[in-house]
Amino acid sequence: MQYISYYHSPMGRMLLTGDVIGLTGVWFDGAKYSVDCLEDEQEEKELPVFGQTKEWLNIYFSGGKPDFTPYLHMIGSAFQLAVWEILLQIPYGKTTTYGEIASKIAKQRGMSKMSAQAVGGAVGHNKISIIVPCHRVIGANGSLTGYAGGLDKKEYLLTLEGIIRTEEKGNIPRV
């Protein structure tokens, strides 16, 4: 059974999904792919993991750095899970590129190289946005690229973390 709840962020309403194992999704209203991840049957219910997630989001959106992670139940292919595990390792206030993640995946798998585009597909299908920080992945040239919630939201999140100063637009300084 899939359970849902809602969180009201400074950027609008967010849908939270979970099951008896943990948090399965966090999406901004209207985010790309969010509807694809909803089961036919769901029940609005305040699971303990939703309380943890809302506390995490409250800290994050108030400019703080949460010192815990709600229990996650990441559901995806083996490749997606490997990419999402790397996303979890990107520190608050830091960025990486699709190519750097591709290099890490290639090394893990004993390959000489991995497609940055394949990594981009997995990053784009991350179901637990913000907490699994796909917004911290930028283009090789430092540009904002892709974010299922919208580039305006990605820019907001990077600004909140101090990666983009409010007067900057366009290219992101690598940290």
N, C-alpha and C. Protein backbone atom coordinates (compact mmCIF):
# COMPACT_ATOMS: atom_id res chain seq x y z
N MET A 1 0.85 -1.19 0.00
CA MET A 1 0.00 0.00 0.00
C MET A 1 0.89 1.24 0.00
N GLN A 2 0.53 2.19 -0.81
CA GLN A 2 1.24 3.46 -0.86
C GLN A 2 0.45 4.48 -0.04
N TYR A 3 1.19 5.21 0.78
CA TYR A 3 0.59 6.26 1.60
C TYR A 3 1.11 7.60 1.11
N ILE A 4 0.27 8.63 1.26
CA ILE A 4 0.66 9.96 0.82
C ILE A 4 0.41 10.98 1.92
N SER A 5 1.15 12.07 1.82
CA SER A 5 0.96 13.22 2.69
C SER A 5 1.44 14.43 1.90
N TYR A 6 1.19 15.60 2.43
CA TYR A 6 1.59 16.82 1.74
C TYR A 6 2.41 17.70 2.66
N TYR A 7 3.33 18.45 2.06
CA TYR A 7 4.16 19.41 2.79
C TYR A 7 4.08 20.73 2.03
N HIS A 8 3.96 21.81 2.76
CA HIS A 8 3.88 23.13 2.13
C HIS A 8 5.23 23.82 2.28
N SER A 9 5.97 23.86 1.18
CA SER A 9 7.30 24.46 1.16
C SER A 9 7.21 25.91 0.72
N PRO A 10 8.31 26.66 0.86
CA PRO A 10 8.32 28.04 0.34
C PRO A 10 8.14 28.12 -1.17
N MET A 11 8.31 26.98 -1.86
CA MET A 11 8.15 26.95 -3.31
C MET A 11 6.87 26.25 -3.73
N GLY A 12 5.98 26.02 -2.80
CA GLY A 12 4.72 25.38 -3.14
C GLY A 12 4.56 24.02 -2.49
N ARG A 13 3.41 23.45 -2.75
CA ARG A 13 3.07 22.18 -2.13
C ARG A 13 3.93 21.04 -2.69
N MET A 14 4.24 20.11 -1.79
CA MET A 14 5.02 18.92 -2.17
C MET A 14 4.24 17.68 -1.76
N LEU A 15 4.31 16.67 -2.60
CA LEU A 15 3.70 15.39 -2.33
C LEU A 15 4.76 14.46 -1.75
N LEU A 16 4.42 13.82 -0.63
CA LEU A 16 5.28 12.81 -0.02
C LEU A 16 4.61 11.47 -0.19
N THR A 17 5.38 10.45 -0.57
CA THR A 17 4.84 9.10 -0.66
C THR A 17 5.72 8.18 0.17
N GLY A 18 5.08 7.14 0.70
CA GLY A 18 5.82 6.19 1.51
C GLY A 18 5.08 4.88 1.61
N ASP A 19 5.74 3.92 2.21
CA ASP A 19 5.13 2.63 2.47
C ASP A 19 5.58 2.19 3.87
N VAL A 20 5.29 0.97 4.22
CA VAL A 20 5.63 0.50 5.58
C VAL A 20 7.14 0.42 5.79
N ILE A 21 7.92 0.47 4.73
CA ILE A 21 9.38 0.41 4.85
C ILE A 21 9.98 1.80 5.05
N GLY A 22 9.51 2.80 4.30
CA GLY A 22 10.09 4.14 4.42
C GLY A 22 9.55 5.10 3.37
N LEU A 23 10.25 6.22 3.24
CA LEU A 23 9.89 7.28 2.30
C LEU A 23 10.22 6.82 0.88
N THR A 24 9.25 6.90 -0.02
CA THR A 24 9.46 6.47 -1.40
C THR A 24 9.47 7.64 -2.39
N GLY A 25 8.98 8.81 -1.98
CA GLY A 25 8.95 9.92 -2.92
C GLY A 25 8.74 11.26 -2.27
N VAL A 26 9.33 12.29 -2.88
CA VAL A 26 9.12 13.69 -2.51
C VAL A 26 9.14 14.48 -3.81
N TRP A 27 8.00 15.07 -4.16
CA TRP A 27 7.91 15.82 -5.41
C TRP A 27 7.21 17.15 -5.19
N PHE A 28 7.64 18.14 -5.96
CA PHE A 28 6.89 19.39 -6.04
C PHE A 28 5.66 19.13 -6.88
N ASP A 29 4.57 19.81 -6.58
CA ASP A 29 3.37 19.68 -7.41
C ASP A 29 3.75 19.94 -8.86
N GLY A 30 3.30 19.08 -9.73
CA GLY A 30 3.54 19.24 -11.16
C GLY A 30 4.91 18.78 -11.63
N ALA A 31 5.72 18.19 -10.76
CA ALA A 31 7.06 17.74 -11.17
C ALA A 31 6.95 16.64 -12.21
N LYS A 32 7.89 16.66 -13.12
CA LYS A 32 7.98 15.64 -14.15
C LYS A 32 8.12 14.27 -13.49
N TYR A 33 7.44 13.29 -13.99
CA TYR A 33 7.49 11.89 -13.56
C TYR A 33 6.75 11.60 -12.26
N SER A 34 6.29 12.59 -11.51
CA SER A 34 5.67 12.31 -10.21
C SER A 34 4.42 11.45 -10.35
N VAL A 35 3.59 11.73 -11.32
CA VAL A 35 2.35 10.98 -11.50
C VAL A 35 2.66 9.53 -11.89
N ASP A 36 3.77 9.32 -12.61
CA ASP A 36 4.17 7.97 -13.01
C ASP A 36 4.47 7.08 -11.81
N CYS A 37 4.81 7.67 -10.69
CA CYS A 37 5.23 6.89 -9.52
C CYS A 37 4.10 6.64 -8.54
N LEU A 38 2.94 7.16 -8.83
CA LEU A 38 1.81 6.94 -7.93
C LEU A 38 1.13 5.61 -8.25
N GLU A 39 0.85 4.86 -7.22
CA GLU A 39 0.12 3.61 -7.40
C GLU A 39 -1.35 3.91 -7.60
N ASP A 40 -2.08 2.94 -8.14
CA ASP A 40 -3.51 3.14 -8.36
C ASP A 40 -4.24 3.39 -7.05
N GLU A 41 -3.81 2.71 -6.01
CA GLU A 41 -4.43 2.88 -4.69
C GLU A 41 -3.44 3.53 -3.74
N GLN A 42 -3.87 4.59 -3.12
CA GLN A 42 -3.07 5.20 -2.08
C GLN A 42 -4.00 5.74 -1.00
N GLU A 43 -3.44 5.93 0.16
CA GLU A 43 -4.22 6.41 1.30
C GLU A 43 -3.47 7.56 1.94
N GLU A 44 -4.18 8.66 2.20
CA GLU A 44 -3.56 9.77 2.91
C GLU A 44 -3.49 9.41 4.38
N LYS A 45 -2.29 9.33 4.90
CA LYS A 45 -2.07 8.90 6.28
C LYS A 45 -0.75 9.48 6.77
N GLU A 46 -0.70 9.91 8.00
CA GLU A 46 0.53 10.47 8.55
C GLU A 46 1.40 9.38 9.16
N LEU A 47 2.26 8.80 8.33
CA LEU A 47 3.22 7.81 8.80
C LEU A 47 4.33 8.50 9.60
N PRO A 48 4.99 7.77 10.50
CA PRO A 48 6.12 8.37 11.22
C PRO A 48 7.19 8.92 10.27
N VAL A 49 7.45 8.24 9.15
CA VAL A 49 8.46 8.74 8.22
C VAL A 49 8.04 10.07 7.61
N PHE A 50 6.76 10.34 7.48
CA PHE A 50 6.32 11.64 6.98
C PHE A 50 6.62 12.73 8.00
N GLY A 51 6.44 12.42 9.28
CA GLY A 51 6.80 13.39 10.32
C GLY A 51 8.28 13.71 10.29
N GLN A 52 9.12 12.67 10.14
CA GLN A 52 10.57 12.87 10.05
C GLN A 52 10.91 13.70 8.81
N THR A 53 10.25 13.39 7.70
CA THR A 53 10.53 14.10 6.45
C THR A 53 10.14 15.57 6.57
N LYS A 54 9.00 15.84 7.17
CA LYS A 54 8.57 17.24 7.33
C LYS A 54 9.50 17.99 8.26
N GLU A 55 9.98 17.33 9.30
CA GLU A 55 10.96 17.96 10.19
C GLU A 55 12.25 18.26 9.41
N TRP A 56 12.71 17.30 8.62
CA TRP A 56 13.91 17.49 7.79
C TRP A 56 13.71 18.68 6.86
N LEU A 57 12.56 18.72 6.17
CA LEU A 57 12.28 19.81 5.23
C LEU A 57 12.16 21.15 5.93
N ASN A 58 11.57 21.19 7.13
CA ASN A 58 11.49 22.44 7.90
C ASN A 58 12.88 22.99 8.20
N ILE A 59 13.77 22.12 8.64
CA ILE A 59 15.15 22.54 8.92
C ILE A 59 15.81 23.04 7.65
N TYR A 60 15.69 22.26 6.59
CA TYR A 60 16.33 22.60 5.32
C TYR A 60 15.83 23.95 4.79
N PHE A 61 14.52 24.13 4.71
CA PHE A 61 13.97 25.36 4.14
C PHE A 61 14.16 26.57 5.04
N SER A 62 14.51 26.35 6.30
CA SER A 62 14.82 27.50 7.18
C SER A 62 16.29 27.86 7.08
N GLY A 63 17.01 27.21 6.17
CA GLY A 63 18.42 27.53 5.95
C GLY A 63 19.38 26.66 6.73
N GLY A 64 18.87 25.68 7.44
CA GLY A 64 19.72 24.79 8.23
C GLY A 64 20.14 23.57 7.44
N LYS A 65 21.08 22.85 8.03
CA LYS A 65 21.57 21.61 7.43
C LYS A 65 21.11 20.45 8.32
N PRO A 66 20.09 19.70 7.89
CA PRO A 66 19.60 18.60 8.72
C PRO A 66 20.71 17.61 9.04
N ASP A 67 20.73 17.13 10.28
CA ASP A 67 21.78 16.20 10.71
C ASP A 67 21.27 14.76 10.78
N PHE A 68 20.17 14.49 10.09
CA PHE A 68 19.61 13.14 10.03
C PHE A 68 18.96 12.97 8.67
N THR A 69 18.68 11.74 8.31
CA THR A 69 17.98 11.43 7.07
C THR A 69 16.78 10.56 7.42
N PRO A 70 15.59 10.94 6.96
CA PRO A 70 14.44 10.05 7.17
C PRO A 70 14.74 8.69 6.57
N TYR A 71 14.08 7.65 7.07
CA TYR A 71 14.32 6.32 6.52
C TYR A 71 13.81 6.27 5.09
N LEU A 72 14.70 5.93 4.17
CA LEU A 72 14.39 5.94 2.74
C LEU A 72 14.13 4.53 2.23
N HIS A 73 13.17 4.41 1.34
CA HIS A 73 12.93 3.17 0.61
C HIS A 73 13.01 3.52 -0.87
N MET A 74 14.24 3.54 -1.37
CA MET A 74 14.47 3.91 -2.76
C MET A 74 14.13 2.72 -3.64
N ILE A 75 13.26 2.96 -4.62
CA ILE A 75 12.80 1.90 -5.51
C ILE A 75 13.21 2.26 -6.94
N GLY A 76 14.01 1.39 -7.55
CA GLY A 76 14.46 1.63 -8.91
C GLY A 76 15.31 0.48 -9.38
N SER A 77 15.87 0.63 -10.57
CA SER A 77 16.76 -0.40 -11.12
C SER A 77 18.07 -0.38 -10.35
N ALA A 78 18.88 -1.41 -10.53
CA ALA A 78 20.19 -1.47 -9.87
C ALA A 78 21.03 -0.26 -10.27
N PHE A 79 20.96 0.12 -11.54
CA PHE A 79 21.72 1.29 -12.00
C PHE A 79 21.22 2.57 -11.33
N GLN A 80 19.91 2.76 -11.31
CA GLN A 80 19.36 3.96 -10.65
C GLN A 80 19.76 4.00 -9.18
N LEU A 81 19.64 2.88 -8.50
CA LEU A 81 20.00 2.85 -7.07
C LEU A 81 21.47 3.21 -6.86
N ALA A 82 22.34 2.73 -7.74
CA ALA A 82 23.77 3.07 -7.62
C ALA A 82 23.98 4.57 -7.80
N VAL A 83 23.30 5.16 -8.77
CA VAL A 83 23.41 6.61 -8.99
C VAL A 83 22.86 7.37 -7.79
N TRP A 84 21.69 6.96 -7.29
CA TRP A 84 21.08 7.67 -6.17
C TRP A 84 21.92 7.56 -4.90
N GLU A 85 22.62 6.44 -4.72
CA GLU A 85 23.52 6.32 -3.57
C GLU A 85 24.65 7.34 -3.67
N ILE A 86 25.14 7.58 -4.88
CA ILE A 86 26.18 8.60 -5.07
C ILE A 86 25.60 9.98 -4.79
N LEU A 87 24.36 10.23 -5.21
CA LEU A 87 23.74 11.52 -4.91
C LEU A 87 23.70 11.78 -3.41
N LEU A 88 23.41 10.75 -2.63
CA LEU A 88 23.35 10.90 -1.18
C LEU A 88 24.69 11.31 -0.57
N GLN A 89 25.77 11.08 -1.30
CA GLN A 89 27.11 11.41 -0.80
C GLN A 89 27.54 12.84 -1.14
N ILE A 90 26.76 13.55 -1.94
CA ILE A 90 27.13 14.93 -2.30
C ILE A 90 26.84 15.81 -1.08
N PRO A 91 27.86 16.43 -0.52
CA PRO A 91 27.64 17.23 0.69
C PRO A 91 26.77 18.46 0.44
N TYR A 92 26.09 18.87 1.47
CA TYR A 92 25.31 20.11 1.48
C TYR A 92 26.23 21.24 1.04
N GLY A 93 25.76 22.08 0.13
CA GLY A 93 26.53 23.24 -0.31
C GLY A 93 27.61 22.92 -1.34
N LYS A 94 27.63 21.71 -1.86
CA LYS A 94 28.62 21.30 -2.87
C LYS A 94 27.88 20.81 -4.10
N THR A 95 28.59 20.75 -5.22
CA THR A 95 28.00 20.24 -6.45
C THR A 95 28.92 19.20 -7.07
N THR A 96 28.38 18.46 -8.01
CA THR A 96 29.13 17.54 -8.83
C THR A 96 28.51 17.58 -10.22
N THR A 97 29.13 16.87 -11.15
CA THR A 97 28.61 16.84 -12.52
C THR A 97 28.14 15.44 -12.87
N TYR A 98 27.36 15.37 -13.93
CA TYR A 98 26.91 14.08 -14.43
C TYR A 98 28.13 13.22 -14.82
N GLY A 99 29.12 13.86 -15.42
CA GLY A 99 30.33 13.14 -15.83
C GLY A 99 31.09 12.57 -14.65
N GLU A 100 31.17 13.33 -13.56
CA GLU A 100 31.87 12.83 -12.37
C GLU A 100 31.14 11.63 -11.78
N ILE A 101 29.82 11.67 -11.78
CA ILE A 101 29.05 10.52 -11.29
C ILE A 101 29.26 9.34 -12.23
N ALA A 102 29.27 9.59 -13.53
CA ALA A 102 29.49 8.51 -14.50
C ALA A 102 30.85 7.86 -14.27
N SER A 103 31.86 8.64 -13.97
CA SER A 103 33.19 8.08 -13.69
C SER A 103 33.16 7.19 -12.45
N LYS A 104 32.44 7.61 -11.42
CA LYS A 104 32.34 6.81 -10.20
C LYS A 104 31.61 5.48 -10.47
N ILE A 105 30.53 5.55 -11.23
CA ILE A 105 29.78 4.34 -11.56
C ILE A 105 30.65 3.40 -12.39
N ALA A 106 31.38 3.94 -13.36
CA ALA A 106 32.26 3.12 -14.20
C ALA A 106 33.30 2.43 -13.33
N LYS A 107 33.88 3.16 -12.41
CA LYS A 107 34.90 2.58 -11.51
C LYS A 107 34.29 1.47 -10.66
N GLN A 108 33.08 1.72 -10.10
CA GLN A 108 32.41 0.69 -9.29
C GLN A 108 32.17 -0.58 -10.07
N ARG A 109 31.89 -0.44 -11.36
CA ARG A 109 31.52 -1.58 -12.19
C ARG A 109 32.69 -2.15 -12.99
N GLY A 110 33.89 -1.60 -12.75
CA GLY A 110 35.06 -2.10 -13.45
C GLY A 110 35.06 -1.80 -14.93
N MET A 111 34.46 -0.68 -15.30
CA MET A 111 34.36 -0.29 -16.70
C MET A 111 35.31 0.88 -16.96
N SER A 112 35.70 1.06 -18.22
CA SER A 112 36.58 2.17 -18.54
C SER A 112 35.83 3.50 -18.57
N LYS A 113 34.56 3.46 -18.94
CA LYS A 113 33.75 4.69 -18.94
C LYS A 113 32.27 4.34 -18.86
N MET A 114 31.48 5.34 -18.54
CA MET A 114 30.03 5.22 -18.41
C MET A 114 29.44 6.47 -19.04
N SER A 115 28.29 6.35 -19.62
CA SER A 115 27.62 7.47 -20.27
C SER A 115 27.07 8.47 -19.24
N ALA A 116 27.47 9.73 -19.40
CA ALA A 116 26.92 10.78 -18.55
C ALA A 116 25.43 10.96 -18.83
N GLN A 117 25.00 10.67 -20.07
CA GLN A 117 23.58 10.77 -20.40
C GLN A 117 22.77 9.72 -19.66
N ALA A 118 23.31 8.51 -19.53
CA ALA A 118 22.62 7.47 -18.77
C ALA A 118 22.50 7.89 -17.31
N VAL A 119 23.56 8.47 -16.78
CA VAL A 119 23.52 8.98 -15.41
C VAL A 119 22.46 10.07 -15.31
N GLY A 120 22.40 10.95 -16.30
CA GLY A 120 21.39 12.02 -16.30
C GLY A 120 19.98 11.47 -16.25
N GLY A 121 19.74 10.38 -16.96
CA GLY A 121 18.42 9.75 -16.92
C GLY A 121 18.08 9.23 -15.54
N ALA A 122 19.06 8.62 -14.88
CA ALA A 122 18.83 8.11 -13.52
C ALA A 122 18.64 9.25 -12.53
N VAL A 123 19.45 10.30 -12.66
CA VAL A 123 19.31 11.46 -11.78
C VAL A 123 17.93 12.08 -11.96
N GLY A 124 17.49 12.21 -13.20
CA GLY A 124 16.20 12.81 -13.50
C GLY A 124 15.02 12.02 -12.97
N HIS A 125 15.21 10.73 -12.77
CA HIS A 125 14.13 9.89 -12.26
C HIS A 125 14.24 9.63 -10.76
N ASN A 126 15.09 10.40 -10.08
CA ASN A 126 15.18 10.31 -8.63
C ASN A 126 13.82 10.67 -8.04
N LYS A 127 13.28 9.80 -7.24
CA LYS A 127 11.93 10.00 -6.70
C LYS A 127 11.92 10.79 -5.39
N ILE A 128 13.07 10.91 -4.74
CA ILE A 128 13.09 11.53 -3.41
C ILE A 128 13.89 12.83 -3.50
N SER A 129 13.31 13.80 -4.20
CA SER A 129 14.02 15.06 -4.44
C SER A 129 14.36 15.77 -3.14
N ILE A 130 15.37 16.58 -3.22
CA ILE A 130 15.95 17.38 -2.15
C ILE A 130 16.69 16.49 -1.14
N ILE A 131 16.02 15.52 -0.56
CA ILE A 131 16.68 14.65 0.42
C ILE A 131 17.75 13.80 -0.26
N VAL A 132 17.44 13.24 -1.42
CA VAL A 132 18.43 12.63 -2.29
C VAL A 132 18.75 13.75 -3.29
N PRO A 133 19.85 14.48 -3.05
CA PRO A 133 20.03 15.81 -3.65
C PRO A 133 20.44 15.86 -5.12
N CYS A 134 19.51 15.52 -5.99
CA CYS A 134 19.78 15.59 -7.42
C CYS A 134 19.94 17.04 -7.89
N HIS A 135 19.46 18.00 -7.11
CA HIS A 135 19.61 19.41 -7.49
C HIS A 135 21.08 19.85 -7.43
N ARG A 136 21.93 19.08 -6.79
CA ARG A 136 23.36 19.42 -6.68
C ARG A 136 24.18 18.92 -7.86
N VAL A 137 23.52 18.35 -8.87
CA VAL A 137 24.22 17.87 -10.06
C VAL A 137 24.05 18.93 -11.15
N ILE A 138 25.19 19.37 -11.69
CA ILE A 138 25.19 20.43 -12.70
C ILE A 138 25.90 19.96 -13.95
N GLY A 139 25.81 20.75 -15.00
CA GLY A 139 26.48 20.42 -16.25
C GLY A 139 27.99 20.56 -16.13
N ALA A 140 28.72 19.94 -17.04
CA ALA A 140 30.18 19.96 -17.02
C ALA A 140 30.73 21.38 -17.09
N ASN A 141 30.00 22.27 -17.74
CA ASN A 141 30.46 23.66 -17.87
C ASN A 141 29.95 24.54 -16.72
N GLY A 142 29.34 23.94 -15.72
CA GLY A 142 28.85 24.69 -14.57
C GLY A 142 27.44 25.21 -14.74
N SER A 143 26.77 24.83 -15.83
CA SER A 143 25.42 25.35 -16.07
C SER A 143 24.37 24.51 -15.35
N LEU A 144 23.25 25.17 -15.07
CA LEU A 144 22.10 24.44 -14.54
C LEU A 144 21.53 23.61 -15.67
N THR A 145 21.34 22.34 -15.41
CA THR A 145 20.73 21.48 -16.42
C THR A 145 19.75 20.57 -15.72
N GLY A 146 18.64 20.37 -16.34
CA GLY A 146 17.64 19.41 -15.88
C GLY A 146 17.31 19.40 -14.41
N TYR A 147 16.05 19.42 -14.11
CA TYR A 147 15.54 19.19 -12.76
C TYR A 147 14.05 18.92 -12.93
N ALA A 148 13.61 17.77 -12.50
CA ALA A 148 12.21 17.37 -12.73
C ALA A 148 11.23 18.35 -12.09
N GLY A 149 11.65 19.03 -11.04
CA GLY A 149 10.78 20.01 -10.39
C GLY A 149 10.77 21.36 -11.08
N GLY A 150 11.70 21.56 -12.03
CA GLY A 150 11.82 22.84 -12.74
C GLY A 150 13.13 23.53 -12.39
N LEU A 151 13.74 24.17 -13.36
CA LEU A 151 15.03 24.83 -13.13
C LEU A 151 14.92 25.98 -12.13
N ASP A 152 13.76 26.63 -12.06
CA ASP A 152 13.59 27.70 -11.08
C ASP A 152 13.72 27.15 -9.66
N LYS A 153 13.23 25.96 -9.43
CA LYS A 153 13.33 25.34 -8.11
C LYS A 153 14.76 24.89 -7.83
N LYS A 154 15.43 24.37 -8.85
CA LYS A 154 16.83 23.97 -8.69
C LYS A 154 17.67 25.19 -8.31
N GLU A 155 17.44 26.29 -8.99
CA GLU A 155 18.18 27.52 -8.68
C GLU A 155 17.89 27.99 -7.26
N TYR A 156 16.64 27.91 -6.84
CA TYR A 156 16.26 28.30 -5.47
C TYR A 156 17.01 27.44 -4.45
N LEU A 157 17.03 26.12 -4.68
CA LEU A 157 17.67 25.21 -3.73
C LEU A 157 19.18 25.45 -3.67
N LEU A 158 19.81 25.68 -4.81
CA LEU A 158 21.24 25.96 -4.83
C LEU A 158 21.57 27.30 -4.18
N THR A 159 20.67 28.25 -4.31
CA THR A 159 20.84 29.54 -3.65
C THR A 159 20.68 29.37 -2.14
N LEU A 160 19.68 28.61 -1.72
CA LEU A 160 19.45 28.35 -0.30
C LEU A 160 20.69 27.73 0.35
N GLU A 161 21.37 26.85 -0.38
CA GLU A 161 22.57 26.18 0.15
C GLU A 161 23.83 27.02 0.01
N GLY A 162 23.72 28.22 -0.57
CA GLY A 162 24.87 29.10 -0.71
C GLY A 162 25.77 28.77 -1.89
N ILE A 163 25.32 27.89 -2.77
CA ILE A 163 26.10 27.53 -3.95
C ILE A 163 26.01 28.64 -4.99
N ILE A 164 24.84 29.23 -5.12
CA ILE A 164 24.63 30.38 -6.00
C ILE A 164 24.38 31.57 -5.09
N ARG A 165 25.10 32.64 -5.35
CA ARG A 165 24.79 33.89 -4.65
C ARG A 165 23.63 34.54 -5.38
N THR A 166 22.80 35.25 -4.67
CA THR A 166 21.56 35.78 -5.26
C THR A 166 21.83 36.66 -6.48
N GLU A 167 22.99 37.28 -6.58
CA GLU A 167 23.26 38.14 -7.73
C GLU A 167 23.76 37.37 -8.94
N GLU A 168 24.07 36.06 -8.77
CA GLU A 168 24.59 35.26 -9.87
C GLU A 168 23.46 34.61 -10.66
N LYS A 169 23.65 34.49 -11.92
CA LYS A 169 22.74 33.76 -12.79
C LYS A 169 23.60 32.99 -13.80
N GLY A 170 23.02 31.98 -14.40
CA GLY A 170 23.75 31.26 -15.42
C GLY A 170 24.65 30.19 -14.84
N ASN A 171 25.95 30.31 -15.07
CA ASN A 171 26.89 29.28 -14.66
C ASN A 171 27.05 29.24 -13.14
N ILE A 172 27.19 28.04 -12.63
CA ILE A 172 27.33 27.80 -11.21
C ILE A 172 28.81 27.62 -10.90
N PRO A 173 29.34 28.35 -9.93
CA PRO A 173 30.72 28.09 -9.56
C PRO A 173 30.83 26.72 -8.90
N ARG A 174 31.78 25.94 -9.33
CA ARG A 174 32.00 24.62 -8.73
C ARG A 174 32.60 24.82 -7.36
N VAL A 175 32.12 24.08 -6.40
CA VAL A 175 32.62 24.20 -5.03
C VAL A 175 33.38 22.95 -4.66
